[in-house]
Amino acid sequence: MSDNDPKPGLEGAEQPFVAHLIELRDRLIRAALAIGLAFAILAIYPGPANLYDLLAAPLVAHLPKGATLIATSVISPFMVPIKITMMAAFLLALPVVLYQIWSFVAPGLYTHEKKLVMPLIVSSTLLFFLGVAFCYFFVFGQVFAFIQSFAPKSITAAPDIEAYLSFVLNMFLAFGAAFEVPVVLVILAHMGIVSVDKLKDFRRYFIVIAFVIAAVVTPPDVVSQLALAIPMCILYEIGIWAAQMSGKPKEASAADAASTTDHSS
């Protein structure tokens, strides 16, 4: 064998790596196509303008009579509705995106991990949507009413549409991420990083952390801070219960190891 001949081990290692890259590319293309299809559907109906009106409805409902949102940039009336449509398209296609991620990583997981990952993907998606819905239908109305109650009568509110979009995205992200607390606790407990007993002992500290996080990521008003901190504390308790129900990781790993040994023998 000459020095220029490829080594057998290296050639065998390159083929699976290239195959994984091709599969990753295909998964990303499918996820992008799902987002593009959702964007096309939303662009046709209800349309970018109607989507923005829907998003701005909680604020418009609490503005003084005759007041509207304004656009301080020339292209804002076009770009802002497009951005909202893209955001809505991503949320609409999120189950497909997460399924593509799951399909890519599933072959490398143990049996007990496969049983846990799919419920985690579904629950994390639902919890994120629940956080966004809770923010839109409950928190926005309370926050805007609270803010307008302090506004002097000599001031006419006319919020900028780009500033409002930035505020909405930050709030959606904050509440969507905060509602993922049970998923995080289940993963930490299942990986053996923390035990359920330690999670229970950490409860008092988490309450303080929840209020600190709420004070940082939400506007400086009591309503939005309480609306984020209290659900986080409730979801922490739900996460402890879910961690107990998910089983012990050591037992699952031992069962997988025994199953692998049986198959090899």
C-alpha atoms as a PDB file:
ATOM      1  CA  MET A   1       0.000   0.000   0.000  1.00  0.00           C
ATOM      2  CA  SER A   2       1.471   3.371  -1.007  1.00  0.00           C
ATOM      3  CA  ASP A   3       1.556   6.493   1.147  1.00  0.00           C
ATOM      4  CA  ASN A   4      -1.008   8.193  -1.120  1.00  0.00           C
ATOM      5  CA  ASP A   5      -3.658   5.520  -0.611  1.00  0.00           C
ATOM      6  CA  PRO A   6      -6.451   6.584   1.764  1.00  0.00           C
ATOM      7  CA  LYS A   7      -6.456   4.896   5.119  1.00  0.00           C
ATOM      8  CA  PRO A   8      -9.323   2.389   5.477  1.00  0.00           C
ATOM      9  CA  GLY A   9     -10.433   3.724   8.863  1.00  0.00           C
ATOM     10  CA  LEU A  10     -10.454   7.350   7.724  1.00  0.00           C
ATOM     11  CA  GLU A  11     -12.453   6.593   4.593  1.00  0.00           C
ATOM     12  CA  GLY A  12     -15.070   4.728   6.640  1.00  0.00           C
ATOM     13  CA  ALA A  13     -15.333   7.627   9.076  1.00  0.00           C
ATOM     14  CA  GLU A  14     -15.820  10.235   6.335  1.00  0.00           C
ATOM     15  CA  GLN A  15     -18.831   8.521   4.770  1.00  0.00           C
ATOM     16  CA  PRO A  16     -21.091   8.619   7.880  1.00  0.00           C
ATOM     17  CA  PHE A  17     -20.042  12.240   8.507  1.00  0.00           C
ATOM     18  CA  VAL A  18     -20.997  13.282   4.979  1.00  0.00           C
ATOM     19  CA  ALA A  19     -24.247  11.339   5.273  1.00  0.00           C
ATOM     20  CA  HIS A  20     -25.082  13.242   8.483  1.00  0.00           C
ATOM     21  CA  LEU A  21     -24.356  16.564   6.771  1.00  0.00           C
ATOM     22  CA  ILE A  22     -26.642  15.637   3.874  1.00  0.00           C
ATOM     23  CA  GLU A  23     -29.400  14.624   6.261  1.00  0.00           C
ATOM     24  CA  LEU A  24     -28.948  17.849   8.248  1.00  0.00           C
ATOM     25  CA  ARG A  25     -29.218  19.839   5.023  1.00  0.00           C
ATOM     26  CA  ASP A  26     -32.407  18.012   4.045  1.00  0.00           C
ATOM     27  CA  ARG A  27     -33.922  18.589   7.485  1.00  0.00           C
ATOM     28  CA  LEU A  28     -33.107  22.302   7.357  1.00  0.00           C
ATOM     29  CA  ILE A  29     -34.594  22.588   3.878  1.00  0.00           C
ATOM     30  CA  ARG A  30     -37.812  20.917   5.018  1.00  0.00           C
ATOM     31  CA  ALA A  31     -38.039  23.217   8.040  1.00  0.00           C
ATOM     32  CA  ALA A  32     -37.431  26.270   5.828  1.00  0.00           C
ATOM     33  CA  LEU A  33     -40.068  25.088   3.351  1.00  0.00           C
ATOM     34  CA  ALA A  34     -42.584  24.681   6.179  1.00  0.00           C
ATOM     35  CA  ILE A  35     -41.897  28.233   7.363  1.00  0.00           C
ATOM     36  CA  GLY A  36     -42.110  29.533   3.783  1.00  0.00           C
ATOM     37  CA  LEU A  37     -45.419  27.752   3.197  1.00  0.00           C
ATOM     38  CA  ALA A  38     -46.839  29.135   6.434  1.00  0.00           C
ATOM     39  CA  PHE A  39     -45.665  32.627   5.441  1.00  0.00           C
ATOM     40  CA  ALA A  40     -47.344  32.330   2.023  1.00  0.00           C
ATOM     41  CA  ILE A  41     -50.621  31.200   3.597  1.00  0.00           C
ATOM     42  CA  LEU A  42     -50.587  34.007   6.182  1.00  0.00           C
ATOM     43  CA  ALA A  43     -49.647  36.563   3.523  1.00  0.00           C
ATOM     44  CA  ILE A  44     -52.759  35.583   1.557  1.00  0.00           C
ATOM     45  CA  TYR A  45     -55.068  35.296   4.555  1.00  0.00           C
ATOM     46  CA  PRO A  46     -55.463  37.155   6.807  1.00  0.00           C
ATOM     47  CA  GLY A  47     -52.642  39.262   5.345  1.00  0.00           C
ATOM     48  CA  PRO A  48     -49.757  41.178   6.974  1.00  0.00           C
ATOM     49  CA  ALA A  49     -51.827  44.300   7.647  1.00  0.00           C
ATOM     50  CA  ASN A  50     -54.594  42.362   9.395  1.00  0.00           C
ATOM     51  CA  LEU A  51     -52.020  40.447  11.427  1.00  0.00           C
ATOM     52  CA  TYR A  52     -50.567  43.692  12.696  1.00  0.00           C
ATOM     53  CA  ASP A  53     -54.030  45.031  13.534  1.00  0.00           C
ATOM     54  CA  LEU A  54     -54.631  41.838  15.490  1.00  0.00           C
ATOM     55  CA  LEU A  55     -51.332  42.196  17.327  1.00  0.00           C
ATOM     56  CA  ALA A  56     -51.970  45.867  18.093  1.00  0.00           C
ATOM     57  CA  ALA A  57     -55.555  45.312  19.270  1.00  0.00           C
ATOM     58  CA  PRO A  58     -54.733  45.089  23.023  1.00  0.00           C
ATOM     59  CA  LEU A  59     -52.897  48.440  22.886  1.00  0.00           C
ATOM     60  CA  VAL A  60     -55.387  50.212  20.617  1.00  0.00           C
ATOM     61  CA  ALA A  61     -58.226  49.194  22.939  1.00  0.00           C
ATOM     62  CA  HIS A  62     -56.626  51.203  25.785  1.00  0.00           C
ATOM     63  CA  LEU A  63     -55.530  54.263  23.822  1.00  0.00           C
ATOM     64  CA  PRO A  64     -57.527  57.501  24.167  1.00  0.00           C
ATOM     65  CA  LYS A  65     -60.413  57.867  21.752  1.00  0.00           C
ATOM     66  CA  GLY A  66     -59.185  58.792  18.303  1.00  0.00           C
ATOM     67  CA  ALA A  67     -55.515  57.973  19.069  1.00  0.00           C
ATOM     68  CA  THR A  68     -53.646  55.568  16.802  1.00  0.00           C
ATOM     69  CA  LEU A  69     -50.172  54.130  16.410  1.00  0.00           C
ATOM     70  CA  ILE A  70     -47.719  56.071  14.247  1.00  0.00           C
ATOM     71  CA  ALA A  71     -44.861  55.185  11.900  1.00  0.00           C
ATOM     72  CA  THR A  72     -41.740  57.322  12.224  1.00  0.00           C
ATOM     73  CA  SER A  73     -39.931  55.622   9.347  1.00  0.00           C
ATOM     74  CA  VAL A  74     -40.908  55.690   5.681  1.00  0.00           C
ATOM     75  CA  ILE A  75     -40.703  51.910   5.210  1.00  0.00           C
ATOM     76  CA  SER A  76     -42.136  50.957   8.627  1.00  0.00           C
ATOM     77  CA  PRO A  77     -45.730  50.530   7.359  1.00  0.00           C
ATOM     78  CA  PHE A  78     -44.387  47.882   4.970  1.00  0.00           C
ATOM     79  CA  MET A  79     -41.592  46.213   6.947  1.00  0.00           C
ATOM     80  CA  VAL A  80     -43.303  45.874  10.326  1.00  0.00           C
ATOM     81  CA  PRO A  81     -46.301  43.848   9.046  1.00  0.00           C
ATOM     82  CA  ILE A  82     -43.870  41.669   7.064  1.00  0.00           C
ATOM     83  CA  LYS A  83     -41.834  40.998  10.212  1.00  0.00           C
ATOM     84  CA  ILE A  84     -44.973  40.078  12.106  1.00  0.00           C
ATOM     85  CA  THR A  85     -46.022  37.701   9.341  1.00  0.00           C
ATOM     86  CA  MET A  86     -42.595  36.048   9.465  1.00  0.00           C
ATOM     87  CA  MET A  87     -42.870  35.666  13.235  1.00  0.00           C
ATOM     88  CA  ALA A  88     -46.350  34.177  12.949  1.00  0.00           C
ATOM     89  CA  ALA A  89     -45.170  31.845  10.171  1.00  0.00           C
ATOM     90  CA  PHE A  90     -42.339  30.551  12.349  1.00  0.00           C
ATOM     91  CA  LEU A  91     -44.722  29.910  15.242  1.00  0.00           C
ATOM     92  CA  LEU A  92     -47.178  28.193  12.910  1.00  0.00           C
ATOM     93  CA  ALA A  93     -44.436  25.968  11.477  1.00  0.00           C
ATOM     94  CA  LEU A  94     -42.748  25.360  14.834  1.00  0.00           C
ATOM     95  CA  PRO A  95     -44.119  21.790  15.247  1.00  0.00           C
ATOM     96  CA  VAL A  96     -42.643  20.852  11.863  1.00  0.00           C
ATOM     97  CA  VAL A  97     -39.306  22.480  12.729  1.00  0.00           C
ATOM     98  CA  LEU A  98     -39.106  20.649  16.039  1.00  0.00           C
ATOM     99  CA  TYR A  99     -40.069  17.367  14.366  1.00  0.00           C
ATOM    100  CA  GLN A 100     -37.188  17.776  11.908  1.00  0.00           C
ATOM    101  CA  ILE A 101     -34.808  18.354  14.819  1.00  0.00           C
ATOM    102  CA  TRP A 102     -36.194  15.305  16.577  1.00  0.00           C
ATOM    103  CA  SER A 103     -35.865  13.135  13.471  1.00  0.00           C
ATOM    104  CA  PHE A 104     -32.215  14.164  13.090  1.00  0.00           C
ATOM    105  CA  VAL A 105     -31.116  13.444  16.672  1.00  0.00           C
ATOM    106  CA  ALA A 106     -33.368  10.431  17.385  1.00  0.00           C
ATOM    107  CA  PRO A 107     -31.096   7.720  15.855  1.00  0.00           C
ATOM    108  CA  GLY A 108     -28.312   8.592  18.323  1.00  0.00           C
ATOM    109  CA  LEU A 109     -30.481   8.362  21.443  1.00  0.00           C
ATOM    110  CA  TYR A 110     -31.058   5.492  23.844  1.00  0.00           C
ATOM    111  CA  THR A 111     -34.503   3.932  24.121  1.00  0.00           C
ATOM    112  CA  HIS A 112     -35.361   5.714  27.374  1.00  0.00           C
ATOM    113  CA  GLU A 113     -34.175   9.005  25.878  1.00  0.00           C
ATOM    114  CA  LYS A 114     -36.366   8.557  22.809  1.00  0.00           C
ATOM    115  CA  LYS A 115     -39.354   7.962  25.062  1.00  0.00           C
ATOM    116  CA  LEU A 116     -38.632  11.209  26.886  1.00  0.00           C
ATOM    117  CA  VAL A 117     -37.545  13.514  24.043  1.00  0.00           C
ATOM    118  CA  MET A 118     -40.774  13.448  22.020  1.00  0.00           C
ATOM    119  CA  PRO A 119     -43.002  14.316  25.021  1.00  0.00           C
ATOM    120  CA  LEU A 120     -40.541  17.087  25.889  1.00  0.00           C
ATOM    121  CA  ILE A 121     -40.706  18.509  22.365  1.00  0.00           C
ATOM    122  CA  VAL A 122     -44.509  18.454  22.361  1.00  0.00           C
ATOM    123  CA  SER A 123     -44.802  19.870  25.882  1.00  0.00           C
ATOM    124  CA  SER A 124     -42.200  22.590  25.286  1.00  0.00           C
ATOM    125  CA  THR A 125     -44.054  23.686  22.139  1.00  0.00           C
ATOM    126  CA  LEU A 126     -47.398  23.774  23.906  1.00  0.00           C
ATOM    127  CA  LEU A 127     -45.940  25.596  26.912  1.00  0.00           C
ATOM    128  CA  PHE A 128     -44.316  28.220  24.693  1.00  0.00           C
ATOM    129  CA  PHE A 129     -47.618  28.809  22.874  1.00  0.00           C
ATOM    130  CA  LEU A 130     -49.396  28.936  26.240  1.00  0.00           C
ATOM    131  CA  GLY A 131     -46.950  31.574  27.484  1.00  0.00           C
ATOM    132  CA  VAL A 132     -47.447  33.692  24.363  1.00  0.00           C
ATOM    133  CA  ALA A 133     -51.246  33.344  24.594  1.00  0.00           C
ATOM    134  CA  PHE A 134     -51.222  34.216  28.294  1.00  0.00           C
ATOM    135  CA  CYS A 135     -49.159  37.322  27.530  1.00  0.00           C
ATOM    136  CA  TYR A 136     -51.410  38.428  24.652  1.00  0.00           C
ATOM    137  CA  PHE A 137     -54.854  37.745  26.124  1.00  0.00           C
ATOM    138  CA  PHE A 138     -54.232  38.621  29.775  1.00  0.00           C
ATOM    139  CA  VAL A 139     -50.992  40.483  30.441  1.00  0.00           C
ATOM    140  CA  PHE A 140     -51.170  43.049  27.624  1.00  0.00           C
ATOM    141  CA  GLY A 141     -54.638  44.223  28.598  1.00  0.00           C
ATOM    142  CA  GLN A 142     -53.701  44.611  32.261  1.00  0.00           C
ATOM    143  CA  VAL A 143     -50.382  46.320  31.537  1.00  0.00           C
ATOM    144  CA  PHE A 144     -51.778  48.824  29.031  1.00  0.00           C
ATOM    145  CA  ALA A 145     -54.710  49.677  31.279  1.00  0.00           C
ATOM    146  CA  PHE A 146     -52.322  50.177  34.208  1.00  0.00           C
ATOM    147  CA  ILE A 147     -49.999  52.428  32.161  1.00  0.00           C
ATOM    148  CA  GLN A 148     -52.842  54.539  30.743  1.00  0.00           C
ATOM    149  CA  SER A 149     -54.250  55.054  34.225  1.00  0.00           C
ATOM    150  CA  PHE A 150     -51.058  56.937  35.130  1.00  0.00           C
ATOM    151  CA  ALA A 151     -50.841  58.959  31.903  1.00  0.00           C
ATOM    152  CA  PRO A 152     -51.544  62.697  32.368  1.00  0.00           C
ATOM    153  CA  LYS A 153     -54.576  64.022  30.522  1.00  0.00           C
ATOM    154  CA  SER A 154     -52.391  66.587  28.774  1.00  0.00           C
ATOM    155  CA  ILE A 155     -50.524  63.789  26.934  1.00  0.00           C
ATOM    156  CA  THR A 156     -51.893  62.039  23.869  1.00  0.00           C
ATOM    157  CA  ALA A 157     -50.359  58.612  23.473  1.00  0.00           C
ATOM    158  CA  ALA A 158     -49.191  57.763  19.937  1.00  0.00           C
ATOM    159  CA  PRO A 159     -46.814  54.785  20.142  1.00  0.00           C
ATOM    160  CA  ASP A 160     -44.477  53.995  17.250  1.00  0.00           C
ATOM    161  CA  ILE A 161     -45.266  50.726  15.453  1.00  0.00           C
ATOM    162  CA  GLU A 162     -41.627  49.544  15.447  1.00  0.00           C
ATOM    163  CA  ALA A 163     -41.240  50.260  19.150  1.00  0.00           C
ATOM    164  CA  TYR A 164     -44.467  48.376  19.818  1.00  0.00           C
ATOM    165  CA  LEU A 165     -43.252  45.403  17.760  1.00  0.00           C
ATOM    166  CA  SER A 166     -40.004  45.305  19.732  1.00  0.00           C
ATOM    167  CA  PHE A 167     -41.961  45.445  22.994  1.00  0.00           C
ATOM    168  CA  VAL A 168     -44.277  42.639  21.892  1.00  0.00           C
ATOM    169  CA  LEU A 169     -41.434  40.380  20.749  1.00  0.00           C
ATOM    170  CA  ASN A 170     -39.564  40.856  24.022  1.00  0.00           C
ATOM    171  CA  MET A 171     -42.678  40.094  26.051  1.00  0.00           C
ATOM    172  CA  PHE A 172     -43.580  37.049  23.962  1.00  0.00           C
ATOM    173  CA  LEU A 173     -40.057  35.707  24.286  1.00  0.00           C
ATOM    174  CA  ALA A 174     -39.973  36.357  28.035  1.00  0.00           C
ATOM    175  CA  PHE A 175     -43.287  34.650  28.751  1.00  0.00           C
ATOM    176  CA  GLY A 176     -42.691  31.835  26.257  1.00  0.00           C
ATOM    177  CA  ALA A 177     -39.293  31.073  27.819  1.00  0.00           C
ATOM    178  CA  ALA A 178     -40.629  31.414  31.374  1.00  0.00           C
ATOM    179  CA  PHE A 179     -43.307  28.824  30.682  1.00  0.00           C
ATOM    180  CA  GLU A 180     -40.543  26.317  29.813  1.00  0.00           C
ATOM    181  CA  VAL A 181     -39.633  25.933  33.502  1.00  0.00           C
ATOM    182  CA  PRO A 182     -41.209  22.445  33.849  1.00  0.00           C
ATOM    183  CA  VAL A 183     -39.305  21.187  30.794  1.00  0.00           C
ATOM    184  CA  VAL A 184     -36.001  22.466  32.187  1.00  0.00           C
ATOM    185  CA  LEU A 185     -36.615  20.794  35.550  1.00  0.00           C
ATOM    186  CA  VAL A 186     -37.482  17.466  33.936  1.00  0.00           C
ATOM    187  CA  ILE A 187     -34.301  17.547  31.827  1.00  0.00           C
ATOM    188  CA  LEU A 188     -32.109  18.454  34.819  1.00  0.00           C
ATOM    189  CA  ALA A 189     -33.630  15.713  36.963  1.00  0.00           C
ATOM    190  CA  HIS A 190     -33.515  13.108  34.198  1.00  0.00           C
ATOM    191  CA  MET A 191     -29.847  13.843  33.473  1.00  0.00           C
ATOM    192  CA  GLY A 192     -29.058  13.392  37.157  1.00  0.00           C
ATOM    193  CA  ILE A 193     -27.793  16.966  37.575  1.00  0.00           C
ATOM    194  CA  VAL A 194     -30.227  17.641  40.418  1.00  0.00           C
ATOM    195  CA  SER A 195     -32.552  15.425  42.392  1.00  0.00           C
ATOM    196  CA  VAL A 196     -36.221  16.033  43.071  1.00  0.00           C
ATOM    197  CA  ASP A 197     -35.446  16.577  46.756  1.00  0.00           C
ATOM    198  CA  LYS A 198     -32.954  19.311  45.867  1.00  0.00           C
ATOM    199  CA  LEU A 199     -35.544  20.933  43.613  1.00  0.00           C
ATOM    200  CA  LYS A 200     -37.960  20.998  46.537  1.00  0.00           C
ATOM    201  CA  ASP A 201     -35.325  22.507  48.817  1.00  0.00           C
ATOM    202  CA  PHE A 202     -34.503  25.125  46.161  1.00  0.00           C
ATOM    203  CA  ARG A 203     -38.145  26.251  45.999  1.00  0.00           C
ATOM    204  CA  ARG A 204     -37.707  29.269  48.289  1.00  0.00           C
ATOM    205  CA  TYR A 205     -34.727  30.516  46.305  1.00  0.00           C
ATOM    206  CA  PHE A 206     -36.536  30.068  43.007  1.00  0.00           C
ATOM    207  CA  ILE A 207     -39.336  32.349  44.191  1.00  0.00           C
ATOM    208  CA  VAL A 208     -36.790  35.132  44.706  1.00  0.00           C
ATOM    209  CA  ILE A 209     -35.152  34.364  41.341  1.00  0.00           C
ATOM    210  CA  ALA A 210     -38.540  34.430  39.590  1.00  0.00           C
ATOM    211  CA  PHE A 211     -39.316  37.922  40.891  1.00  0.00           C
ATOM    212  CA  VAL A 212     -35.832  39.157  39.987  1.00  0.00           C
ATOM    213  CA  ILE A 213     -36.197  37.796  36.436  1.00  0.00           C
ATOM    214  CA  ALA A 214     -39.661  39.349  36.148  1.00  0.00           C
ATOM    215  CA  ALA A 215     -38.293  42.709  37.274  1.00  0.00           C
ATOM    216  CA  VAL A 216     -35.525  42.579  34.661  1.00  0.00           C
ATOM    217  CA  VAL A 217     -37.336  41.319  31.551  1.00  0.00           C
ATOM    218  CA  THR A 218     -40.719  43.034  31.949  1.00  0.00           C
ATOM    219  CA  PRO A 219     -41.646  46.743  31.921  1.00  0.00           C
ATOM    220  CA  PRO A 220     -41.210  48.579  35.251  1.00  0.00           C
ATOM    221  CA  ASP A 221     -44.764  48.050  36.426  1.00  0.00           C
ATOM    222  CA  VAL A 222     -46.114  45.810  39.156  1.00  0.00           C
ATOM    223  CA  VAL A 223     -48.775  44.160  36.977  1.00  0.00           C
ATOM    224  CA  SER A 224     -46.468  42.636  34.371  1.00  0.00           C
ATOM    225  CA  GLN A 225     -43.915  41.599  37.002  1.00  0.00           C
ATOM    226  CA  LEU A 226     -46.503  39.738  39.049  1.00  0.00           C
ATOM    227  CA  ALA A 227     -48.026  38.266  35.876  1.00  0.00           C
ATOM    228  CA  LEU A 228     -44.657  36.685  35.037  1.00  0.00           C
ATOM    229  CA  ALA A 229     -43.333  35.771  38.482  1.00  0.00           C
ATOM    230  CA  ILE A 230     -46.451  34.056  39.813  1.00  0.00           C
ATOM    231  CA  PRO A 231     -46.884  31.684  36.825  1.00  0.00           C
ATOM    232  CA  MET A 232     -43.153  30.835  37.024  1.00  0.00           C
ATOM    233  CA  CYS A 233     -43.587  29.779  40.665  1.00  0.00           C
ATOM    234  CA  ILE A 234     -46.635  27.681  39.785  1.00  0.00           C
ATOM    235  CA  LEU A 235     -44.817  26.101  36.841  1.00  0.00           C
ATOM    236  CA  TYR A 236     -41.882  25.290  39.123  1.00  0.00           C
ATOM    237  CA  GLU A 237     -44.206  23.167  41.240  1.00  0.00           C
ATOM    238  CA  ILE A 238     -45.555  21.511  38.099  1.00  0.00           C
ATOM    239  CA  GLY A 239     -41.969  20.846  37.020  1.00  0.00           C
ATOM    240  CA  ILE A 240     -41.186  19.089  40.311  1.00  0.00           C
ATOM    241  CA  TRP A 241     -44.220  16.861  39.861  1.00  0.00           C
ATOM    242  CA  ALA A 242     -43.276  16.135  36.228  1.00  0.00           C
ATOM    243  CA  ALA A 243     -39.694  15.293  37.285  1.00  0.00           C
ATOM    244  CA  GLN A 244     -41.047  12.761  39.764  1.00  0.00           C
ATOM    245  CA  MET A 245     -43.270  11.214  37.115  1.00  0.00           C
ATOM    246  CA  SER A 246     -40.486  10.971  34.498  1.00  0.00           C
ATOM    247  CA  GLY A 247     -38.682   8.266  36.473  1.00  0.00           C
ATOM    248  CA  LYS A 248     -35.108   7.808  37.603  1.00  0.00           C
ATOM    249  CA  PRO A 249     -32.442   8.189  34.917  1.00  0.00           C
ATOM    250  CA  LYS A 250     -30.123   5.599  36.460  1.00  0.00           C
ATOM    251  CA  GLU A 251     -32.752   2.901  36.288  1.00  0.00           C
ATOM    252  CA  ALA A 252     -33.519   3.754  32.669  1.00  0.00           C
ATOM    253  CA  SER A 253     -29.830   3.709  31.733  1.00  0.00           C
ATOM    254  CA  ALA A 254     -29.362   0.358  33.447  1.00  0.00           C
ATOM    255  CA  ALA A 255     -32.333  -1.057  31.562  1.00  0.00           C
ATOM    256  CA  ASP A 256     -30.881   0.139  28.257  1.00  0.00           C
ATOM    257  CA  ALA A 257     -27.488  -1.307  29.105  1.00  0.00           C
ATOM    258  CA  ALA A 258     -29.054  -4.656  29.996  1.00  0.00           C
ATOM    259  CA  SER A 259     -31.072  -4.615  26.777  1.00  0.00           C
ATOM    260  CA  THR A 260     -27.924  -3.898  24.742  1.00  0.00           C
ATOM    261  CA  THR A 261     -26.071  -6.729  26.482  1.00  0.00           C
ATOM    262  CA  ASP A 262     -28.897  -9.186  25.766  1.00  0.00           C
ATOM    263  CA  HIS A 263     -28.922  -8.281  22.074  1.00  0.00           C
ATOM    264  CA  SER A 264     -25.148  -8.596  21.747  1.00  0.00           C
ATOM    265  CA  SER A 265     -25.125 -12.000  23.442  1.00  0.00           C
END
